Amino acid sequence: LHDGQNWVAGFVLGLAASMTFVPLLSWTEDDQGSLGELGRIGVDGFDRVDNVLIEMILAIALREDPRFAVHAILPLIVGPAAEGGGFGPFPFYKLARLSDEPSAATNARA
């Protein structure tokens, strides 16, 4: 993206011209990372627009539309940053925290 360019427009244009979407999906011990915030959606009615979720919704829509170049979605799943570099194991046990209910705020924006 160029300085001052709207990231949403830049992301959409870049993704629409890409053959493969490779999201980096992370979840740290302190519930941060690209998936950590998603774990809060649906808890006690909490909802918010989640950019990672928007990116995935858009990638799936473009993958299903033959007019666009997206042919594959290949997520990389990583845990928290490890001492000395790299990543630790992904906390798969936390996936149970993800809501079965869609994020109304995110879907409205997507």
PDB file of N, CA and C in Angstrom:
ATOM      1  N   LEU A   1       0.838  -1.190   0.000  1.00  0.00           N
ATOM      2  CA  LEU A   1       0.000   0.000   0.000  1.00  0.00           C
ATOM      3  C   LEU A   1       0.877   1.246   0.000  1.00  0.00           C
ATOM      4  N   HIS A   2       0.389   2.254  -0.652  1.00  0.00           N
ATOM      5  CA  HIS A   2       1.069   3.539  -0.638  1.00  0.00           C
ATOM      6  C   HIS A   2       0.620   4.322   0.587  1.00  0.00           C
ATOM      7  N   ASP A   3       1.470   5.187   1.105  1.00  0.00           N
ATOM      8  CA  ASP A   3       1.109   6.018   2.251  1.00  0.00           C
ATOM      9  C   ASP A   3      -0.201   6.742   1.970  1.00  0.00           C
ATOM     10  N   GLY A   4      -1.107   6.663   2.925  1.00  0.00           N
ATOM     11  CA  GLY A   4      -2.384   7.342   2.796  1.00  0.00           C
ATOM     12  C   GLY A   4      -3.443   6.572   2.037  1.00  0.00           C
ATOM     13  N   GLN A   5      -3.084   5.459   1.414  1.00  0.00           N
ATOM     14  CA  GLN A   5      -4.059   4.668   0.664  1.00  0.00           C
ATOM     15  C   GLN A   5      -4.942   3.892   1.636  1.00  0.00           C
ATOM     16  N   ASN A   6      -6.197   3.835   1.338  1.00  0.00           N
ATOM     17  CA  ASN A   6      -7.157   3.086   2.151  1.00  0.00           C
ATOM     18  C   ASN A   6      -6.775   1.607   2.136  1.00  0.00           C
ATOM     19  N   TRP A   7      -6.556   1.024   3.327  1.00  0.00           N
ATOM     20  CA  TRP A   7      -6.085  -0.365   3.367  1.00  0.00           C
ATOM     21  C   TRP A   7      -7.137  -1.329   2.841  1.00  0.00           C
ATOM     22  N   VAL A   8      -8.422  -1.027   3.065  1.00  0.00           N
ATOM     23  CA  VAL A   8      -9.474  -1.934   2.590  1.00  0.00           C
ATOM     24  C   VAL A   8      -9.456  -1.998   1.065  1.00  0.00           C
ATOM     25  N   ALA A   9      -9.413  -0.842   0.423  1.00  0.00           N
ATOM     26  CA  ALA A   9      -9.380  -0.815  -1.043  1.00  0.00           C
ATOM     27  C   ALA A   9      -8.130  -1.507  -1.560  1.00  0.00           C
ATOM     28  N   GLY A  10      -6.998  -1.242  -0.934  1.00  0.00           N
ATOM     29  CA  GLY A  10      -5.751  -1.883  -1.352  1.00  0.00           C
ATOM     30  C   GLY A  10      -5.788  -3.383  -1.169  1.00  0.00           C
ATOM     31  N   PHE A  11      -6.352  -3.838  -0.053  1.00  0.00           N
ATOM     32  CA  PHE A  11      -6.445  -5.272   0.196  1.00  0.00           C
ATOM     33  C   PHE A  11      -7.361  -5.935  -0.826  1.00  0.00           C
ATOM     34  N   VAL A  12      -8.518  -5.337  -1.055  1.00  0.00           N
ATOM     35  CA  VAL A  12      -9.483  -5.917  -1.990  1.00  0.00           C
ATOM     36  C   VAL A  12      -8.890  -6.008  -3.391  1.00  0.00           C
ATOM     37  N   LEU A  13      -8.269  -4.953  -3.853  1.00  0.00           N
ATOM     38  CA  LEU A  13      -7.664  -4.965  -5.191  1.00  0.00           C
ATOM     39  C   LEU A  13      -6.540  -5.996  -5.278  1.00  0.00           C
ATOM     40  N   GLY A  14      -5.720  -6.065  -4.235  1.00  0.00           N
ATOM     41  CA  GLY A  14      -4.626  -7.038  -4.226  1.00  0.00           C
ATOM     42  C   GLY A  14      -5.131  -8.467  -4.196  1.00  0.00           C
ATOM     43  N   LEU A  15      -6.119  -8.731  -3.356  1.00  0.00           N
ATOM     44  CA  LEU A  15      -6.666 -10.081  -3.258  1.00  0.00           C
ATOM     45  C   LEU A  15      -7.362 -10.489  -4.552  1.00  0.00           C
ATOM     46  N   ALA A  16      -8.114  -9.585  -5.137  1.00  0.00           N
ATOM     47  CA  ALA A  16      -8.843  -9.911  -6.366  1.00  0.00           C
ATOM     48  C   ALA A  16      -7.902 -10.292  -7.505  1.00  0.00           C
ATOM     49  N   ALA A  17      -6.670  -9.792  -7.459  1.00  0.00           N
ATOM     50  CA  ALA A  17      -5.698 -10.094  -8.510  1.00  0.00           C
ATOM     51  C   ALA A  17      -4.771 -11.251  -8.133  1.00  0.00           C
ATOM     52  N   SER A  18      -4.959 -11.830  -6.942  1.00  0.00           N
ATOM     53  CA  SER A  18      -4.078 -12.901  -6.463  1.00  0.00           C
ATOM     54  C   SER A  18      -4.632 -14.274  -6.801  1.00  0.00           C
ATOM     55  N   MET A  19      -3.739 -15.210  -7.046  1.00  0.00           N
ATOM     56  CA  MET A  19      -4.160 -16.588  -7.304  1.00  0.00           C
ATOM     57  C   MET A  19      -4.320 -17.371  -6.010  1.00  0.00           C
ATOM     58  N   THR A  20      -3.567 -17.000  -4.976  1.00  0.00           N
ATOM     59  CA  THR A  20      -3.595 -17.723  -3.708  1.00  0.00           C
ATOM     60  C   THR A  20      -3.658 -16.738  -2.554  1.00  0.00           C
ATOM     61  N   PHE A  21      -4.544 -17.004  -1.607  1.00  0.00           N
ATOM     62  CA  PHE A  21      -4.663 -16.197  -0.391  1.00  0.00           C
ATOM     63  C   PHE A  21      -4.055 -17.023   0.733  1.00  0.00           C
ATOM     64  N   VAL A  22      -3.049 -16.459   1.422  1.00  0.00           N
ATOM     65  CA  VAL A  22      -2.352 -17.167   2.491  1.00  0.00           C
ATOM     66  C   VAL A  22      -2.467 -16.346   3.779  1.00  0.00           C
ATOM     67  N   PRO A  23      -3.567 -16.534   4.528  1.00  0.00           N
ATOM     68  CA  PRO A  23      -3.691 -15.793   5.786  1.00  0.00           C
ATOM     69  C   PRO A  23      -2.822 -16.434   6.865  1.00  0.00           C
ATOM     70  N   LEU A  24      -2.208 -15.607   7.687  1.00  0.00           N
ATOM     71  CA  LEU A  24      -1.429 -16.067   8.822  1.00  0.00           C
ATOM     72  C   LEU A  24      -2.357 -16.047  10.029  1.00  0.00           C
ATOM     73  N   LEU A  25      -2.735 -17.219  10.512  1.00  0.00           N
ATOM     74  CA  LEU A  25      -3.680 -17.329  11.622  1.00  0.00           C
ATOM     75  C   LEU A  25      -2.908 -17.635  12.892  1.00  0.00           C
ATOM     76  N   SER A  26      -2.994 -16.723  13.858  1.00  0.00           N
ATOM     77  CA  SER A  26      -2.237 -16.876  15.102  1.00  0.00           C
ATOM     78  C   SER A  26      -3.151 -16.689  16.305  1.00  0.00           C
ATOM     79  N   TRP A  27      -2.724 -17.276  17.424  1.00  0.00           N
ATOM     80  CA  TRP A  27      -3.455 -17.122  18.682  1.00  0.00           C
ATOM     81  C   TRP A  27      -2.437 -17.273  19.792  1.00  0.00           C
ATOM     82  N   THR A  28      -2.259 -16.232  20.559  1.00  0.00           N
ATOM     83  CA  THR A  28      -1.253 -16.240  21.613  1.00  0.00           C
ATOM     84  C   THR A  28      -1.873 -16.624  22.949  1.00  0.00           C
ATOM     85  N   GLU A  29      -1.023 -16.847  23.928  1.00  0.00           N
ATOM     86  CA  GLU A  29      -1.506 -17.234  25.259  1.00  0.00           C
ATOM     87  C   GLU A  29      -2.348 -16.140  25.909  1.00  0.00           C
ATOM     88  N   ASP A  30      -2.081 -14.881  25.575  1.00  0.00           N
ATOM     89  CA  ASP A  30      -2.850 -13.775  26.154  1.00  0.00           C
ATOM     90  C   ASP A  30      -4.035 -13.382  25.257  1.00  0.00           C
ATOM     91  N   ASP A  31      -4.472 -14.320  24.434  1.00  0.00           N
ATOM     92  CA  ASP A  31      -5.639 -14.154  23.557  1.00  0.00           C
ATOM     93  C   ASP A  31      -5.511 -12.978  22.592  1.00  0.00           C
ATOM     94  N   GLN A  32      -4.323 -12.802  22.066  1.00  0.00           N
ATOM     95  CA  GLN A  32      -4.080 -11.846  21.002  1.00  0.00           C
ATOM     96  C   GLN A  32      -3.812 -12.646  19.728  1.00  0.00           C
ATOM     97  N   GLY A  33      -3.335 -11.983  18.717  1.00  0.00           N
ATOM     98  CA  GLY A  33      -3.102 -12.634  17.435  1.00  0.00           C
ATOM     99  C   GLY A  33      -4.318 -12.492  16.547  1.00  0.00           C
ATOM    100  N   SER A  34      -4.211 -12.992  15.341  1.00  0.00           N
ATOM    101  CA  SER A  34      -5.291 -12.795  14.375  1.00  0.00           C
ATOM    102  C   SER A  34      -6.574 -13.522  14.754  1.00  0.00           C
ATOM    103  N   LEU A  35      -6.490 -14.595  15.533  1.00  0.00           N
ATOM    104  CA  LEU A  35      -7.690 -15.314  15.950  1.00  0.00           C
ATOM    105  C   LEU A  35      -8.098 -15.029  17.392  1.00  0.00           C
ATOM    106  N   GLY A  36      -7.186 -14.516  18.197  1.00  0.00           N
ATOM    107  CA  GLY A  36      -7.480 -14.278  19.609  1.00  0.00           C
ATOM    108  C   GLY A  36      -8.677 -13.388  19.843  1.00  0.00           C
ATOM    109  N   GLU A  37      -8.772 -12.316  19.081  1.00  0.00           N
ATOM    110  CA  GLU A  37      -9.914 -11.407  19.226  1.00  0.00           C
ATOM    111  C   GLU A  37     -11.220 -12.062  18.789  1.00  0.00           C
ATOM    112  N   LEU A  38     -11.149 -12.974  17.828  1.00  0.00           N
ATOM    113  CA  LEU A  38     -12.374 -13.662  17.384  1.00  0.00           C
ATOM    114  C   LEU A  38     -12.974 -14.499  18.505  1.00  0.00           C
ATOM    115  N   GLY A  39     -12.147 -14.942  19.436  1.00  0.00           N
ATOM    116  CA  GLY A  39     -12.634 -15.738  20.557  1.00  0.00           C
ATOM    117  C   GLY A  39     -13.555 -14.983  21.482  1.00  0.00           C
ATOM    118  N   ARG A  40     -13.550 -13.648  21.405  1.00  0.00           N
ATOM    119  CA  ARG A  40     -14.425 -12.836  22.253  1.00  0.00           C
ATOM    120  C   ARG A  40     -15.786 -12.590  21.624  1.00  0.00           C
ATOM    121  N   ILE A  41     -15.883 -12.722  20.305  1.00  0.00           N
ATOM    122  CA  ILE A  41     -17.155 -12.452  19.628  1.00  0.00           C
ATOM    123  C   ILE A  41     -18.203 -13.471  20.079  1.00  0.00           C
ATOM    124  N   GLY A  42     -19.351 -12.971  20.441  1.00  0.00           N
ATOM    125  CA  GLY A  42     -20.444 -13.824  20.894  1.00  0.00           C
ATOM    126  C   GLY A  42     -20.477 -14.021  22.401  1.00  0.00           C
ATOM    127  N   VAL A  43     -19.412 -13.659  23.122  1.00  0.00           N
ATOM    128  CA  VAL A  43     -19.385 -13.794  24.576  1.00  0.00           C
ATOM    129  C   VAL A  43     -20.172 -12.640  25.176  1.00  0.00           C
ATOM    130  N   ASP A  44     -21.230 -12.972  25.919  1.00  0.00           N
ATOM    131  CA  ASP A  44     -22.087 -11.957  26.539  1.00  0.00           C
ATOM    132  C   ASP A  44     -22.591 -10.929  25.529  1.00  0.00           C
ATOM    133  N   GLY A  45     -22.851 -11.380  24.302  1.00  0.00           N
ATOM    134  CA  GLY A  45     -23.385 -10.501  23.270  1.00  0.00           C
ATOM    135  C   GLY A  45     -22.354  -9.605  22.607  1.00  0.00           C
ATOM    136  N   PHE A  46     -21.070  -9.790  22.923  1.00  0.00           N
ATOM    137  CA  PHE A  46     -20.019  -8.947  22.341  1.00  0.00           C
ATOM    138  C   PHE A  46     -19.907  -9.193  20.844  1.00  0.00           C
ATOM    139  N   ASP A  47     -19.794  -8.112  20.091  1.00  0.00           N
ATOM    140  CA  ASP A  47     -19.588  -8.199  18.650  1.00  0.00           C
ATOM    141  C   ASP A  47     -18.801  -6.975  18.219  1.00  0.00           C
ATOM    142  N   ARG A  48     -18.031  -7.130  17.188  1.00  0.00           N
ATOM    143  CA  ARG A  48     -17.277  -6.015  16.629  1.00  0.00           C
ATOM    144  C   ARG A  48     -16.862  -6.384  15.217  1.00  0.00           C
ATOM    145  N   VAL A  49     -16.480  -5.399  14.428  1.00  0.00           N
ATOM    146  CA  VAL A  49     -15.962  -5.659  13.087  1.00  0.00           C
ATOM    147  C   VAL A  49     -14.550  -6.214  13.243  1.00  0.00           C
ATOM    148  N   ASP A  50     -14.311  -7.382  12.665  1.00  0.00           N
ATOM    149  CA  ASP A  50     -13.005  -8.020  12.738  1.00  0.00           C
ATOM    150  C   ASP A  50     -12.396  -8.077  11.344  1.00  0.00           C
ATOM    151  N   ASN A  51     -11.272  -7.398  11.160  1.00  0.00           N
ATOM    152  CA  ASN A  51     -10.655  -7.309   9.840  1.00  0.00           C
ATOM    153  C   ASN A  51     -10.170  -8.655   9.318  1.00  0.00           C
ATOM    154  N   VAL A  52      -9.662  -9.506  10.187  1.00  0.00           N
ATOM    155  CA  VAL A  52      -9.214 -10.836   9.753  1.00  0.00           C
ATOM    156  C   VAL A  52     -10.401 -11.625   9.209  1.00  0.00           C
ATOM    157  N   LEU A  53     -11.522 -11.553   9.896  1.00  0.00           N
ATOM    158  CA  LEU A  53     -12.715 -12.250   9.442  1.00  0.00           C
ATOM    159  C   LEU A  53     -13.219 -11.672   8.120  1.00  0.00           C
ATOM    160  N   ILE A  54     -13.161 -10.356   7.958  1.00  0.00           N
ATOM    161  CA  ILE A  54     -13.536  -9.733   6.685  1.00  0.00           C
ATOM    162  C   ILE A  54     -12.657 -10.267   5.565  1.00  0.00           C
ATOM    163  N   GLU A  55     -11.348 -10.348   5.811  1.00  0.00           N
ATOM    164  CA  GLU A  55     -10.428 -10.851   4.792  1.00  0.00           C
ATOM    165  C   GLU A  55     -10.785 -12.279   4.382  1.00  0.00           C
ATOM    166  N   MET A  56     -11.121 -13.119   5.363  1.00  0.00           N
ATOM    167  CA  MET A  56     -11.467 -14.510   5.043  1.00  0.00           C
ATOM    168  C   MET A  56     -12.797 -14.606   4.294  1.00  0.00           C
ATOM    169  N   ILE A  57     -13.788 -13.809   4.702  1.00  0.00           N
ATOM    170  CA  ILE A  57     -15.087 -13.799   4.010  1.00  0.00           C
ATOM    171  C   ILE A  57     -14.892 -13.376   2.560  1.00  0.00           C
ATOM    172  N   LEU A  58     -14.113 -12.324   2.355  1.00  0.00           N
ATOM    173  CA  LEU A  58     -13.856 -11.832   1.010  1.00  0.00           C
ATOM    174  C   LEU A  58     -13.102 -12.862   0.169  1.00  0.00           C
ATOM    175  N   ALA A  59     -12.087 -13.487   0.758  1.00  0.00           N
ATOM    176  CA  ALA A  59     -11.311 -14.489   0.021  1.00  0.00           C
ATOM    177  C   ALA A  59     -12.195 -15.651  -0.428  1.00  0.00           C
ATOM    178  N   ILE A  60     -13.077 -16.101   0.436  1.00  0.00           N
ATOM    179  CA  ILE A  60     -13.978 -17.203   0.079  1.00  0.00           C
ATOM    180  C   ILE A  60     -14.920 -16.776  -1.043  1.00  0.00           C
ATOM    181  N   ALA A  61     -15.461 -15.556  -0.942  1.00  0.00           N
ATOM    182  CA  ALA A  61     -16.365 -15.059  -1.988  1.00  0.00           C
ATOM    183  C   ALA A  61     -15.643 -14.954  -3.331  1.00  0.00           C
ATOM    184  N   LEU A  62     -14.412 -14.452  -3.324  1.00  0.00           N
ATOM    185  CA  LEU A  62     -13.663 -14.329  -4.579  1.00  0.00           C
ATOM    186  C   LEU A  62     -13.256 -15.695  -5.118  1.00  0.00           C
ATOM    187  N   ARG A  63     -12.967 -16.625  -4.229  1.00  0.00           N
ATOM    188  CA  ARG A  63     -12.604 -17.993  -4.646  1.00  0.00           C
ATOM    189  C   ARG A  63     -13.782 -18.668  -5.354  1.00  0.00           C
ATOM    190  N   GLU A  64     -14.990 -18.385  -4.909  1.00  0.00           N
ATOM    191  CA  GLU A  64     -16.183 -19.008  -5.474  1.00  0.00           C
ATOM    192  C   GLU A  64     -16.658 -18.334  -6.756  1.00  0.00           C
ATOM    193  N   ASP A  65     -16.115 -17.166  -7.079  1.00  0.00           N
ATOM    194  CA  ASP A  65     -16.543 -16.416  -8.258  1.00  0.00           C
ATOM    195  C   ASP A  65     -15.508 -16.601  -9.376  1.00  0.00           C
ATOM    196  N   PRO A  66     -15.878 -17.258 -10.473  1.00  0.00           N
ATOM    197  CA  PRO A  66     -14.898 -17.552 -11.532  1.00  0.00           C
ATOM    198  C   PRO A  66     -14.342 -16.318 -12.237  1.00  0.00           C
ATOM    199  N   ARG A  67     -14.899 -15.152 -12.006  1.00  0.00           N
ATOM    200  CA  ARG A  67     -14.380 -13.938 -12.634  1.00  0.00           C
ATOM    201  C   ARG A  67     -13.069 -13.470 -11.994  1.00  0.00           C
ATOM    202  N   PHE A  68     -12.740 -14.019 -10.833  1.00  0.00           N
ATOM    203  CA  PHE A  68     -11.546 -13.565 -10.114  1.00  0.00           C
ATOM    204  C   PHE A  68     -10.472 -14.638 -10.125  1.00  0.00           C
ATOM    205  N   ALA A  69      -9.247 -14.214  -9.871  1.00  0.00           N
ATOM    206  CA  ALA A  69      -8.073 -15.082  -9.996  1.00  0.00           C
ATOM    207  C   ALA A  69      -7.856 -16.016  -8.810  1.00  0.00           C
ATOM    208  N   VAL A  70      -8.524 -15.779  -7.680  1.00  0.00           N
ATOM    209  CA  VAL A  70      -8.255 -16.564  -6.470  1.00  0.00           C
ATOM    210  C   VAL A  70      -8.643 -18.027  -6.700  1.00  0.00           C
ATOM    211  N   HIS A  71      -7.637 -18.900  -6.673  1.00  0.00           N
ATOM    212  CA  HIS A  71      -7.875 -20.328  -6.894  1.00  0.00           C
ATOM    213  C   HIS A  71      -7.667 -21.162  -5.644  1.00  0.00           C
ATOM    214  N   ALA A  72      -6.975 -20.608  -4.639  1.00  0.00           N
ATOM    215  CA  ALA A  72      -6.687 -21.390  -3.439  1.00  0.00           C
ATOM    216  C   ALA A  72      -6.601 -20.483  -2.219  1.00  0.00           C
ATOM    217  N   ILE A  73      -7.007 -21.038  -1.082  1.00  0.00           N
ATOM    218  CA  ILE A  73      -6.863 -20.381   0.213  1.00  0.00           C
ATOM    219  C   ILE A  73      -6.060 -21.343   1.079  1.00  0.00           C
ATOM    220  N   LEU A  74      -4.855 -20.926   1.468  1.00  0.00           N
ATOM    221  CA  LEU A  74      -3.935 -21.793   2.209  1.00  0.00           C
ATOM    222  C   LEU A  74      -3.516 -21.110   3.508  1.00  0.00           C
ATOM    223  N   PRO A  75      -4.283 -21.300   4.583  1.00  0.00           N
ATOM    224  CA  PRO A  75      -3.925 -20.636   5.840  1.00  0.00           C
ATOM    225  C   PRO A  75      -2.672 -21.248   6.469  1.00  0.00           C
ATOM    226  N   LEU A  76      -1.859 -20.394   7.066  1.00  0.00           N
ATOM    227  CA  LEU A  76      -0.725 -20.826   7.872  1.00  0.00           C
ATOM    228  C   LEU A  76      -1.109 -20.615   9.327  1.00  0.00           C
ATOM    229  N   ILE A  77      -1.019 -21.650  10.120  1.00  0.00           N
ATOM    230  CA  ILE A  77      -1.437 -21.597  11.519  1.00  0.00           C
ATOM    231  C   ILE A  77      -0.187 -21.585  12.392  1.00  0.00           C
ATOM    232  N   VAL A  78      -0.039 -20.540  13.211  1.00  0.00           N
ATOM    233  CA  VAL A  78       1.132 -20.418  14.073  1.00  0.00           C
ATOM    234  C   VAL A  78       0.716 -20.087  15.501  1.00  0.00           C
ATOM    235  N   GLY A  79       1.528 -20.523  16.434  1.00  0.00           N
ATOM    236  CA  GLY A  79       1.323 -20.191  17.835  1.00  0.00           C
ATOM    237  C   GLY A  79       2.073 -18.919  18.170  1.00  0.00           C
ATOM    238  N   PRO A  80       2.271 -18.671  19.456  1.00  0.00           N
ATOM    239  CA  PRO A  80       2.977 -17.459  19.871  1.00  0.00           C
ATOM    240  C   PRO A  80       4.438 -17.477  19.445  1.00  0.00           C
ATOM    241  N   ALA A  81       5.023 -16.280  19.347  1.00  0.00           N
ATOM    242  CA  ALA A  81       6.439 -16.175  19.003  1.00  0.00           C
ATOM    243  C   ALA A  81       7.269 -16.929  20.041  1.00  0.00           C
ATOM    244  N   ALA A  82       8.240 -17.670  19.555  1.00  0.00           N
ATOM    245  CA  ALA A  82       9.099 -18.464  20.436  1.00  0.00           C
ATOM    246  C   ALA A  82      10.391 -17.703  20.719  1.00  0.00           C
ATOM    247  N   GLU A  83      10.957 -17.967  21.877  1.00  0.00           N
ATOM    248  CA  GLU A  83      12.255 -17.369  22.185  1.00  0.00           C
ATOM    249  C   GLU A  83      13.272 -17.858  21.167  1.00  0.00           C
ATOM    250  N   GLY A  84      14.100 -16.964  20.693  1.00  0.00           N
ATOM    251  CA  GLY A  84      15.099 -17.340  19.714  1.00  0.00           C
ATOM    252  C   GLY A  84      14.598 -17.331  18.289  1.00  0.00           C
ATOM    253  N   GLY A  85      13.353 -16.945  18.079  1.00  0.00           N
ATOM    254  CA  GLY A  85      12.798 -16.868  16.731  1.00  0.00           C
ATOM    255  C   GLY A  85      11.820 -17.989  16.441  1.00  0.00           C
ATOM    256  N   GLY A  86      11.088 -17.818  15.402  1.00  0.00           N
ATOM    257  CA  GLY A  86      10.092 -18.809  15.011  1.00  0.00           C
ATOM    258  C   GLY A  86       8.830 -18.706  15.848  1.00  0.00           C
ATOM    259  N   PHE A  87       8.057 -19.764  15.825  1.00  0.00           N
ATOM    260  CA  PHE A  87       6.775 -19.786  16.530  1.00  0.00           C
ATOM    261  C   PHE A  87       6.655 -21.047  17.364  1.00  0.00           C
ATOM    262  N   GLY A  88       5.911 -20.926  18.447  1.00  0.00           N
ATOM    263  CA  GLY A  88       5.606 -22.080  19.276  1.00  0.00           C
ATOM    264  C   GLY A  88       4.390 -22.798  18.718  1.00  0.00           C
ATOM    265  N   PRO A  89       3.940 -23.821  19.419  1.00  0.00           N
ATOM    266  CA  PRO A  89       2.780 -24.573  18.935  1.00  0.00           C
ATOM    267  C   PRO A  89       1.493 -23.744  19.004  1.00  0.00           C
ATOM    268  N   PHE A  90       0.623 -23.999  18.058  1.00  0.00           N
ATOM    269  CA  PHE A  90      -0.680 -23.333  18.029  1.00  0.00           C
ATOM    270  C   PHE A  90      -1.552 -23.930  19.131  1.00  0.00           C
ATOM    271  N   PRO A  91      -2.254 -23.083  19.905  1.00  0.00           N
ATOM    272  CA  PRO A  91      -3.107 -23.588  20.985  1.00  0.00           C
ATOM    273  C   PRO A  91      -4.472 -24.069  20.452  1.00  0.00           C
ATOM    274  N   PHE A  92      -4.491 -25.244  19.859  1.00  0.00           N
ATOM    275  CA  PHE A  92      -5.723 -25.761  19.255  1.00  0.00           C
ATOM    276  C   PHE A  92      -6.875 -25.862  20.250  1.00  0.00           C
ATOM    277  N   TYR A  93      -6.571 -26.064  21.522  1.00  0.00           N
ATOM    278  CA  TYR A  93      -7.629 -26.176  22.528  1.00  0.00           C
ATOM    279  C   TYR A  93      -8.467 -24.905  22.611  1.00  0.00           C
ATOM    280  N   LYS A  94      -7.925 -23.766  22.164  1.00  0.00           N
ATOM    281  CA  LYS A  94      -8.662 -22.510  22.222  1.00  0.00           C
ATOM    282  C   LYS A  94      -9.729 -22.392  21.129  1.00  0.00           C
ATOM    283  N   LEU A  95      -9.668 -23.238  20.119  1.00  0.00           N
ATOM    284  CA  LEU A  95     -10.652 -23.152  19.030  1.00  0.00           C
ATOM    285  C   LEU A  95     -12.075 -23.349  19.535  1.00  0.00           C
ATOM    286  N   ALA A  96     -12.240 -24.050  20.649  1.00  0.00           N
ATOM    287  CA  ALA A  96     -13.576 -24.252  21.215  1.00  0.00           C
ATOM    288  C   ALA A  96     -14.200 -22.926  21.654  1.00  0.00           C
ATOM    289  N   ARG A  97     -13.404 -21.886  21.822  1.00  0.00           N
ATOM    290  CA  ARG A  97     -13.914 -20.575  22.224  1.00  0.00           C
ATOM    291  C   ARG A  97     -14.575 -19.818  21.076  1.00  0.00           C
ATOM    292  N   LEU A  98     -14.320 -20.225  19.847  1.00  0.00           N
ATOM    293  CA  LEU A  98     -14.898 -19.511  18.709  1.00  0.00           C
ATOM    294  C   LEU A  98     -16.402 -19.735  18.668  1.00  0.00           C
ATOM    295  N   SER A  99     -17.129 -18.679  18.448  1.00  0.00           N
ATOM    296  CA  SER A  99     -18.589 -18.726  18.439  1.00  0.00           C
ATOM    297  C   SER A  99     -19.118 -19.435  17.193  1.00  0.00           C
ATOM    298  N   ASP A 100     -20.224 -20.131  17.364  1.00  0.00           N
ATOM    299  CA  ASP A 100     -20.931 -20.710  16.228  1.00  0.00           C
ATOM    300  C   ASP A 100     -21.824 -19.672  15.556  1.00  0.00           C
ATOM    301  N   GLU A 101     -22.031 -18.552  16.246  1.00  0.00           N
ATOM    302  CA  GLU A 101     -22.870 -17.474  15.719  1.00  0.00           C
ATOM    303  C   GLU A 101     -22.006 -16.532  14.887  1.00  0.00           C
ATOM    304  N   PRO A 102     -22.477 -16.116  13.725  1.00  0.00           N
ATOM    305  CA  PRO A 102     -21.691 -15.183  12.912  1.00  0.00           C
ATOM    306  C   PRO A 102     -21.632 -13.807  13.554  1.00  0.00           C
ATOM    307  N   SER A 103     -20.593 -13.070  13.233  1.00  0.00           N
ATOM    308  CA  SER A 103     -20.458 -11.700  13.700  1.00  0.00           C
ATOM    309  C   SER A 103     -21.315 -10.806  12.809  1.00  0.00           C
ATOM    310  N   ALA A 104     -22.394 -10.295  13.352  1.00  0.00           N
ATOM    311  CA  ALA A 104     -23.287  -9.433  12.565  1.00  0.00           C
ATOM    312  C   ALA A 104     -22.553  -8.172  12.118  1.00  0.00           C
ATOM    313  N   ALA A 105     -21.723  -7.605  12.992  1.00  0.00           N
ATOM    314  CA  ALA A 105     -21.003  -6.374  12.650  1.00  0.00           C
ATOM    315  C   ALA A 105     -20.032  -6.615  11.501  1.00  0.00           C
ATOM    316  N   THR A 106     -19.316  -7.736  11.559  1.00  0.00           N
ATOM    317  CA  THR A 106     -18.355  -8.052  10.493  1.00  0.00           C
ATOM    318  C   THR A 106     -19.072  -8.358   9.186  1.00  0.00           C
ATOM    319  N   ASN A 107     -20.127  -9.146   9.245  1.00  0.00           N
ATOM    320  CA  ASN A 107     -20.852  -9.488   8.020  1.00  0.00           C
ATOM    321  C   ASN A 107     -21.482  -8.254   7.384  1.00  0.00           C
ATOM    322  N   ALA A 108     -21.930  -7.309   8.184  1.00  0.00           N
ATOM    323  CA  ALA A 108     -22.503  -6.070   7.642  1.00  0.00           C
ATOM    324  C   ALA A 108     -21.438  -5.282   6.897  1.00  0.00           C
ATOM    325  N   ARG A 109     -20.219  -5.264   7.412  1.00  0.00           N
ATOM    326  CA  ARG A 109     -19.129  -4.528   6.765  1.00  0.00           C
ATOM    327  C   ARG A 109     -18.634  -5.242   5.527  1.00  0.00           C
ATOM    328  N   ALA A 110     -18.577  -6.589   5.591  1.00  0.00           N
ATOM    329  CA  ALA A 110     -18.068  -7.370   4.439  1.00  0.00           C
ATOM    330  C   ALA A 110     -18.997  -7.227   3.264  1.00  0.00           C
TER     331      ALA A 110
END
